[in-house]
Amino acid sequence: MRGIVFIGGLGPGAGQCRRLSRGADLIIAADSGLIAAEDAGIHPDWIVGDMDSLTDLGRLKKYPAGRILRYPEDKDYTDTELALRLLWDKGCDETWLLGGGGGRIDHLFAIRSLFERDPSPVRWITAEEDIRAVAGTLSQELPPGSLVSVFPLGAGPWKVESRGLRWPLDDQPWAPGFFGISNIAQEGLFSIKVTAGRLLVVLPQNKFSRME
């Protein structure tokens, strides 16, 4: 099952959100993520959070009270974490985040840290980036010359193969803290095969990607 969380911050445009949400089994808005969802014409199945960033609480009135999970501002988990936990509790094994770009750097670090966990999200799409957690094979077509950056996740070890990138990922000294930034998909089509460990792969957002 695929679940999507709309979160605050810079995210895809309304049309892109609608396209990315097609086929989702469950959609949750975390706090001000409700604004982005509704701007795309999407009414989420659940709304989760302390609502401290939701400027107009009147937006909640159109939803059944039982579908709104409101938490105190002083809590142990972020709104994004709470929304992801709900998706996993509901049986979603493929979870995406829409939004979260720009804003405070600590918020960005917090979202990135979620990918170190088990379970973790598998995809995070901001206004400019399409970020994937890869534990198998990712084959992707982008405009030729697009930038591709990779970061190891977890404790390793890692073993990676690639095709179509200017600088192959094979036999790199993968270790915590190592990364490969600003690689290039020379012809557009490339693939990354992770045979041990996991990688976080940062791509430019591409609305024409065949992988969507």
C-alpha atoms as a PDB file:
ATOM      1  CA  MET A   1       0.000   0.000   0.000  1.00  0.00           C
ATOM      2  CA  ARG A   2       1.185   3.505  -0.813  1.00  0.00           C
ATOM      3  CA  GLY A   3       0.625   6.334   1.630  1.00  0.00           C
ATOM      4  CA  ILE A   4       1.383  10.015   1.120  1.00  0.00           C
ATOM      5  CA  VAL A   5       1.988  12.717   3.713  1.00  0.00           C
ATOM      6  CA  PHE A   6       1.574  16.365   2.749  1.00  0.00           C
ATOM      7  CA  ILE A   7       3.874  18.435   4.953  1.00  0.00           C
ATOM      8  CA  GLY A   8       4.560  22.148   5.345  1.00  0.00           C
ATOM      9  CA  GLY A   9       7.296  23.901   3.386  1.00  0.00           C
ATOM     10  CA  LEU A  10       7.980  24.187  -0.315  1.00  0.00           C
ATOM     11  CA  GLY A  11       6.565  21.327  -2.332  1.00  0.00           C
ATOM     12  CA  PRO A  12       5.399  20.400  -5.813  1.00  0.00           C
ATOM     13  CA  GLY A  13       2.822  22.563  -7.551  1.00  0.00           C
ATOM     14  CA  ALA A  14      -0.876  21.719  -7.454  1.00  0.00           C
ATOM     15  CA  GLY A  15      -0.896  19.809 -10.727  1.00  0.00           C
ATOM     16  CA  GLN A  16       2.169  17.819  -9.754  1.00  0.00           C
ATOM     17  CA  CYS A  17       0.617  16.973  -6.380  1.00  0.00           C
ATOM     18  CA  ARG A  18      -2.501  15.657  -8.081  1.00  0.00           C
ATOM     19  CA  ARG A  19      -0.433  13.502 -10.421  1.00  0.00           C
ATOM     20  CA  LEU A  20       1.777  12.144  -7.660  1.00  0.00           C
ATOM     21  CA  SER A  21      -1.257  11.350  -5.494  1.00  0.00           C
ATOM     22  CA  ARG A  22      -2.956   9.199  -8.107  1.00  0.00           C
ATOM     23  CA  GLY A  23      -3.150   5.629  -6.935  1.00  0.00           C
ATOM     24  CA  ALA A  24      -2.324   6.437  -3.314  1.00  0.00           C
ATOM     25  CA  ASP A  25      -4.177   4.220  -0.846  1.00  0.00           C
ATOM     26  CA  LEU A  26      -4.089   6.746   2.003  1.00  0.00           C
ATOM     27  CA  ILE A  27      -3.326  10.473   2.157  1.00  0.00           C
ATOM     28  CA  ILE A  28      -2.532  12.342   5.373  1.00  0.00           C
ATOM     29  CA  ALA A  29      -1.980  16.062   5.876  1.00  0.00           C
ATOM     30  CA  ALA A  30       0.472  16.969   8.622  1.00  0.00           C
ATOM     31  CA  ASP A  31      -0.479  20.380  10.062  1.00  0.00           C
ATOM     32  CA  SER A  32      -0.041  23.062   7.355  1.00  0.00           C
ATOM     33  CA  GLY A  33       0.389  20.318   4.773  1.00  0.00           C
ATOM     34  CA  LEU A  34      -3.396  20.560   4.656  1.00  0.00           C
ATOM     35  CA  ILE A  35      -3.058  23.839   2.749  1.00  0.00           C
ATOM     36  CA  ALA A  36      -0.966  22.244  -0.003  1.00  0.00           C
ATOM     37  CA  ALA A  37      -3.331  19.279  -0.240  1.00  0.00           C
ATOM     38  CA  GLU A  38      -6.428  21.447  -0.527  1.00  0.00           C
ATOM     39  CA  ASP A  39      -4.723  23.788  -3.002  1.00  0.00           C
ATOM     40  CA  ALA A  40      -4.304  20.703  -5.194  1.00  0.00           C
ATOM     41  CA  GLY A  41      -7.981  19.810  -4.770  1.00  0.00           C
ATOM     42  CA  ILE A  42      -7.172  16.867  -2.513  1.00  0.00           C
ATOM     43  CA  HIS A  43      -9.081  16.178   0.694  1.00  0.00           C
ATOM     44  CA  PRO A  44      -6.841  13.999   2.865  1.00  0.00           C
ATOM     45  CA  ASP A  45      -8.142  10.948   4.677  1.00  0.00           C
ATOM     46  CA  TRP A  46      -6.585  12.114   7.959  1.00  0.00           C
ATOM     47  CA  ILE A  47      -5.218  15.354   9.376  1.00  0.00           C
ATOM     48  CA  VAL A  48      -2.509  15.047  12.031  1.00  0.00           C
ATOM     49  CA  GLY A  49      -0.510  17.485  14.145  1.00  0.00           C
ATOM     50  CA  ASP A  50      -0.580  20.269  16.698  1.00  0.00           C
ATOM     51  CA  MET A  51      -1.948  22.707  14.050  1.00  0.00           C
ATOM     52  CA  ASP A  52       0.395  25.465  15.171  1.00  0.00           C
ATOM     53  CA  SER A  53       1.254  26.262  11.535  1.00  0.00           C
ATOM     54  CA  LEU A  54      -2.296  26.045  10.208  1.00  0.00           C
ATOM     55  CA  THR A  55      -3.264  29.710   9.945  1.00  0.00           C
ATOM     56  CA  ASP A  56      -6.973  29.065   9.387  1.00  0.00           C
ATOM     57  CA  LEU A  57      -8.345  26.421  11.726  1.00  0.00           C
ATOM     58  CA  GLY A  58     -11.687  26.806   9.983  1.00  0.00           C
ATOM     59  CA  ARG A  59     -10.307  24.500   7.311  1.00  0.00           C
ATOM     60  CA  LEU A  60     -10.790  21.622   9.734  1.00  0.00           C
ATOM     61  CA  LYS A  61     -14.566  22.069   9.973  1.00  0.00           C
ATOM     62  CA  LYS A  62     -15.249  20.281   6.708  1.00  0.00           C
ATOM     63  CA  TYR A  63     -13.649  17.052   7.958  1.00  0.00           C
ATOM     64  CA  PRO A  64     -15.150  14.475  10.341  1.00  0.00           C
ATOM     65  CA  ALA A  65     -13.870  15.039  13.873  1.00  0.00           C
ATOM     66  CA  GLY A  66     -12.748  11.410  14.054  1.00  0.00           C
ATOM     67  CA  ARG A  67     -10.352  12.002  11.167  1.00  0.00           C
ATOM     68  CA  ILE A  68      -8.519  14.857  12.895  1.00  0.00           C
ATOM     69  CA  LEU A  69      -5.796  13.822  15.322  1.00  0.00           C
ATOM     70  CA  ARG A  70      -4.734  16.957  17.191  1.00  0.00           C
ATOM     71  CA  TYR A  71      -1.741  16.863  19.523  1.00  0.00           C
ATOM     72  CA  PRO A  72      -0.325  19.368  22.033  1.00  0.00           C
ATOM     73  CA  GLU A  73       2.521  21.574  20.823  1.00  0.00           C
ATOM     74  CA  ASP A  74       4.811  20.128  23.507  1.00  0.00           C
ATOM     75  CA  LYS A  75       5.165  16.579  22.238  1.00  0.00           C
ATOM     76  CA  ASP A  76       7.892  14.016  21.639  1.00  0.00           C
ATOM     77  CA  TYR A  77       7.378  13.628  17.887  1.00  0.00           C
ATOM     78  CA  THR A  78       7.133  15.994  14.935  1.00  0.00           C
ATOM     79  CA  ASP A  79       3.906  16.222  12.964  1.00  0.00           C
ATOM     80  CA  THR A  80       5.636  14.434  10.087  1.00  0.00           C
ATOM     81  CA  GLU A  81       6.645  11.562  12.349  1.00  0.00           C
ATOM     82  CA  LEU A  82       3.105  11.242  13.676  1.00  0.00           C
ATOM     83  CA  ALA A  83       1.686  11.138  10.150  1.00  0.00           C
ATOM     84  CA  LEU A  84       4.177   8.486   9.043  1.00  0.00           C
ATOM     85  CA  ARG A  85       3.417   6.366  12.118  1.00  0.00           C
ATOM     86  CA  LEU A  86      -0.272   6.500  11.217  1.00  0.00           C
ATOM     87  CA  LEU A  87       0.442   5.390   7.640  1.00  0.00           C
ATOM     88  CA  TRP A  88       2.492   2.445   8.876  1.00  0.00           C
ATOM     89  CA  ASP A  89      -0.175   1.550  11.441  1.00  0.00           C
ATOM     90  CA  LYS A  90      -2.719   1.505   8.594  1.00  0.00           C
ATOM     91  CA  GLY A  91      -0.601  -0.932   6.590  1.00  0.00           C
ATOM     92  CA  CYS A  92       1.175   1.393   4.155  1.00  0.00           C
ATOM     93  CA  ASP A  93       4.590  -0.072   3.341  1.00  0.00           C
ATOM     94  CA  GLU A  94       5.489   2.572   0.732  1.00  0.00           C
ATOM     95  CA  THR A  95       5.399   6.077   2.176  1.00  0.00           C
ATOM     96  CA  TRP A  96       6.066   9.377   0.394  1.00  0.00           C
ATOM     97  CA  LEU A  97       6.482  12.923   1.689  1.00  0.00           C
ATOM     98  CA  LEU A  98       5.302  15.885  -0.397  1.00  0.00           C
ATOM     99  CA  GLY A  99       6.652  19.289   0.671  1.00  0.00           C
ATOM    100  CA  GLY A 100       9.227  20.203   3.290  1.00  0.00           C
ATOM    101  CA  GLY A 101      11.549  22.234   1.079  1.00  0.00           C
ATOM    102  CA  GLY A 102      13.126  25.522   2.136  1.00  0.00           C
ATOM    103  CA  GLY A 103      12.573  26.835   5.641  1.00  0.00           C
ATOM    104  CA  ARG A 104      14.598  26.058   8.752  1.00  0.00           C
ATOM    105  CA  ILE A 105      17.689  23.949   8.306  1.00  0.00           C
ATOM    106  CA  ASP A 106      16.947  21.929  11.457  1.00  0.00           C
ATOM    107  CA  HIS A 107      13.615  20.897   9.948  1.00  0.00           C
ATOM    108  CA  LEU A 108      15.413  19.714   6.802  1.00  0.00           C
ATOM    109  CA  PHE A 109      17.911  17.751   8.903  1.00  0.00           C
ATOM    110  CA  ALA A 110      15.047  16.196  10.861  1.00  0.00           C
ATOM    111  CA  ILE A 111      13.302  14.998   7.699  1.00  0.00           C
ATOM    112  CA  ARG A 112      16.546  13.655   6.271  1.00  0.00           C
ATOM    113  CA  SER A 113      17.122  11.761   9.552  1.00  0.00           C
ATOM    114  CA  LEU A 114      13.811   9.945   9.096  1.00  0.00           C
ATOM    115  CA  PHE A 115      15.417   8.029   6.212  1.00  0.00           C
ATOM    116  CA  GLU A 116      17.937   6.491   8.617  1.00  0.00           C
ATOM    117  CA  ARG A 117      15.171   4.693  10.481  1.00  0.00           C
ATOM    118  CA  ASP A 118      13.404   1.390  10.001  1.00  0.00           C
ATOM    119  CA  PRO A 119      10.771   1.750   8.765  1.00  0.00           C
ATOM    120  CA  SER A 120      11.489   4.900   6.811  1.00  0.00           C
ATOM    121  CA  PRO A 121       9.906   6.902   4.003  1.00  0.00           C
ATOM    122  CA  VAL A 122      10.968   5.829   0.529  1.00  0.00           C
ATOM    123  CA  ARG A 123      10.473   9.142  -1.283  1.00  0.00           C
ATOM    124  CA  TRP A 124      10.524  12.869  -0.485  1.00  0.00           C
ATOM    125  CA  ILE A 125       9.475  15.410  -3.106  1.00  0.00           C
ATOM    126  CA  THR A 126      10.045  19.114  -2.559  1.00  0.00           C
ATOM    127  CA  ALA A 127       9.544  22.002  -4.957  1.00  0.00           C
ATOM    128  CA  GLU A 128      12.901  21.286  -6.625  1.00  0.00           C
ATOM    129  CA  GLU A 129      14.072  17.818  -5.578  1.00  0.00           C
ATOM    130  CA  ASP A 130      12.945  14.217  -5.891  1.00  0.00           C
ATOM    131  CA  ILE A 131      14.699  12.253  -3.159  1.00  0.00           C
ATOM    132  CA  ARG A 132      14.649   8.447  -3.082  1.00  0.00           C
ATOM    133  CA  ALA A 133      15.699   5.831  -0.558  1.00  0.00           C
ATOM    134  CA  VAL A 134      17.123   3.031  -2.693  1.00  0.00           C
ATOM    135  CA  ALA A 135      17.709  -0.505  -1.456  1.00  0.00           C
ATOM    136  CA  GLY A 136      17.488  -2.234  -4.827  1.00  0.00           C
ATOM    137  CA  THR A 137      17.574  -0.834  -8.345  1.00  0.00           C
ATOM    138  CA  LEU A 138      16.597   2.656  -9.461  1.00  0.00           C
ATOM    139  CA  SER A 139      16.323   3.200 -13.228  1.00  0.00           C
ATOM    140  CA  GLN A 140      15.492   6.772 -14.093  1.00  0.00           C
ATOM    141  CA  GLU A 141      15.253   9.002 -17.138  1.00  0.00           C
ATOM    142  CA  LEU A 142      15.990  12.700 -16.665  1.00  0.00           C
ATOM    143  CA  PRO A 143      16.945  15.519 -19.020  1.00  0.00           C
ATOM    144  CA  PRO A 144      20.522  14.840 -20.225  1.00  0.00           C
ATOM    145  CA  GLY A 145      23.091  16.485 -17.980  1.00  0.00           C
ATOM    146  CA  SER A 146      20.915  16.374 -14.859  1.00  0.00           C
ATOM    147  CA  LEU A 147      22.653  16.295 -11.481  1.00  0.00           C
ATOM    148  CA  VAL A 148      22.483  13.150  -9.344  1.00  0.00           C
ATOM    149  CA  SER A 149      23.792  13.062  -5.759  1.00  0.00           C
ATOM    150  CA  VAL A 150      24.044  10.042  -3.475  1.00  0.00           C
ATOM    151  CA  PHE A 151      24.500   9.557   0.272  1.00  0.00           C
ATOM    152  CA  PRO A 152      24.825   6.279   2.187  1.00  0.00           C
ATOM    153  CA  LEU A 153      22.087   5.445   4.678  1.00  0.00           C
ATOM    154  CA  GLY A 154      22.404   3.348   7.790  1.00  0.00           C
ATOM    155  CA  ALA A 155      25.508   1.639   9.150  1.00  0.00           C
ATOM    156  CA  GLY A 156      26.493  -0.238   6.017  1.00  0.00           C
ATOM    157  CA  PRO A 157      28.270  -2.020   4.530  1.00  0.00           C
ATOM    158  CA  TRP A 158      27.357  -0.707   1.079  1.00  0.00           C
ATOM    159  CA  LYS A 159      27.911  -2.111  -2.387  1.00  0.00           C
ATOM    160  CA  VAL A 160      26.726  -0.110  -5.383  1.00  0.00           C
ATOM    161  CA  GLU A 161      26.813  -0.353  -9.164  1.00  0.00           C
ATOM    162  CA  SER A 162      25.753   2.334 -11.634  1.00  0.00           C
ATOM    163  CA  ARG A 163      25.277   2.871 -15.341  1.00  0.00           C
ATOM    164  CA  GLY A 164      24.869   6.113 -17.252  1.00  0.00           C
ATOM    165  CA  LEU A 165      26.552   8.388 -14.718  1.00  0.00           C
ATOM    166  CA  ARG A 166      29.682  10.382 -15.587  1.00  0.00           C
ATOM    167  CA  TRP A 167      31.444   9.049 -12.479  1.00  0.00           C
ATOM    168  CA  PRO A 168      30.540   5.393 -11.800  1.00  0.00           C
ATOM    169  CA  LEU A 169      29.549   4.493  -8.248  1.00  0.00           C
ATOM    170  CA  ASP A 170      31.184   1.059  -8.436  1.00  0.00           C
ATOM    171  CA  ASP A 171      34.107   0.480  -6.078  1.00  0.00           C
ATOM    172  CA  GLN A 172      33.742   3.800  -4.277  1.00  0.00           C
ATOM    173  CA  PRO A 173      34.975   3.873  -0.633  1.00  0.00           C
ATOM    174  CA  TRP A 174      31.478   3.865   0.871  1.00  0.00           C
ATOM    175  CA  ALA A 175      31.526   4.679   4.576  1.00  0.00           C
ATOM    176  CA  PRO A 176      29.518   6.808   7.031  1.00  0.00           C
ATOM    177  CA  GLY A 177      30.067  10.433   6.064  1.00  0.00           C
ATOM    178  CA  PHE A 178      31.083   9.591   2.479  1.00  0.00           C
ATOM    179  CA  PHE A 179      28.950  10.971  -0.353  1.00  0.00           C
ATOM    180  CA  GLY A 180      28.928  11.492  -4.092  1.00  0.00           C
ATOM    181  CA  ILE A 181      27.576  14.921  -4.951  1.00  0.00           C
ATOM    182  CA  SER A 182      26.829  16.543  -8.331  1.00  0.00           C
ATOM    183  CA  ASN A 183      27.287  13.453 -10.459  1.00  0.00           C
ATOM    184  CA  ILE A 184      25.788  13.776 -13.941  1.00  0.00           C
ATOM    185  CA  ALA A 185      23.323  11.648 -15.899  1.00  0.00           C
ATOM    186  CA  GLN A 186      25.097  12.244 -19.175  1.00  0.00           C
ATOM    187  CA  GLU A 187      22.485  10.873 -21.585  1.00  0.00           C
ATOM    188  CA  GLY A 188      19.544  11.255 -19.218  1.00  0.00           C
ATOM    189  CA  LEU A 189      18.838   7.559 -18.637  1.00  0.00           C
ATOM    190  CA  PHE A 190      20.802   6.038 -15.775  1.00  0.00           C
ATOM    191  CA  SER A 191      20.538   3.255 -13.226  1.00  0.00           C
ATOM    192  CA  ILE A 192      21.825   2.631  -9.714  1.00  0.00           C
ATOM    193  CA  LYS A 193      21.874  -0.893  -8.274  1.00  0.00           C
ATOM    194  CA  VAL A 194      22.386  -1.227  -4.528  1.00  0.00           C
ATOM    195  CA  THR A 195      23.293  -4.805  -3.637  1.00  0.00           C
ATOM    196  CA  ALA A 196      24.186  -4.093   0.003  1.00  0.00           C
ATOM    197  CA  GLY A 197      22.977  -1.320   2.287  1.00  0.00           C
ATOM    198  CA  ARG A 198      20.815   1.610   1.243  1.00  0.00           C
ATOM    199  CA  LEU A 199      21.408   4.943  -0.487  1.00  0.00           C
ATOM    200  CA  LEU A 200      19.637   8.293  -0.462  1.00  0.00           C
ATOM    201  CA  VAL A 201      19.552   9.548  -4.054  1.00  0.00           C
ATOM    202  CA  VAL A 202      18.801  13.219  -4.733  1.00  0.00           C
ATOM    203  CA  LEU A 203      17.458  14.037  -8.199  1.00  0.00           C
ATOM    204  CA  PRO A 204      15.993  17.142  -9.758  1.00  0.00           C
ATOM    205  CA  GLN A 205      12.234  17.037  -9.784  1.00  0.00           C
ATOM    206  CA  ASN A 206      11.185  15.995 -13.265  1.00  0.00           C
ATOM    207  CA  LYS A 207       7.503  15.999 -14.147  1.00  0.00           C
ATOM    208  CA  PHE A 208       8.180  14.056 -17.336  1.00  0.00           C
ATOM    209  CA  SER A 209       9.947  11.174 -15.589  1.00  0.00           C
ATOM    210  CA  ARG A 210       8.719   7.777 -16.709  1.00  0.00           C
ATOM    211  CA  MET A 211       9.095   6.513 -13.138  1.00  0.00           C
ATOM    212  CA  GLU A 212       6.166   8.561 -11.840  1.00  0.00           C
END
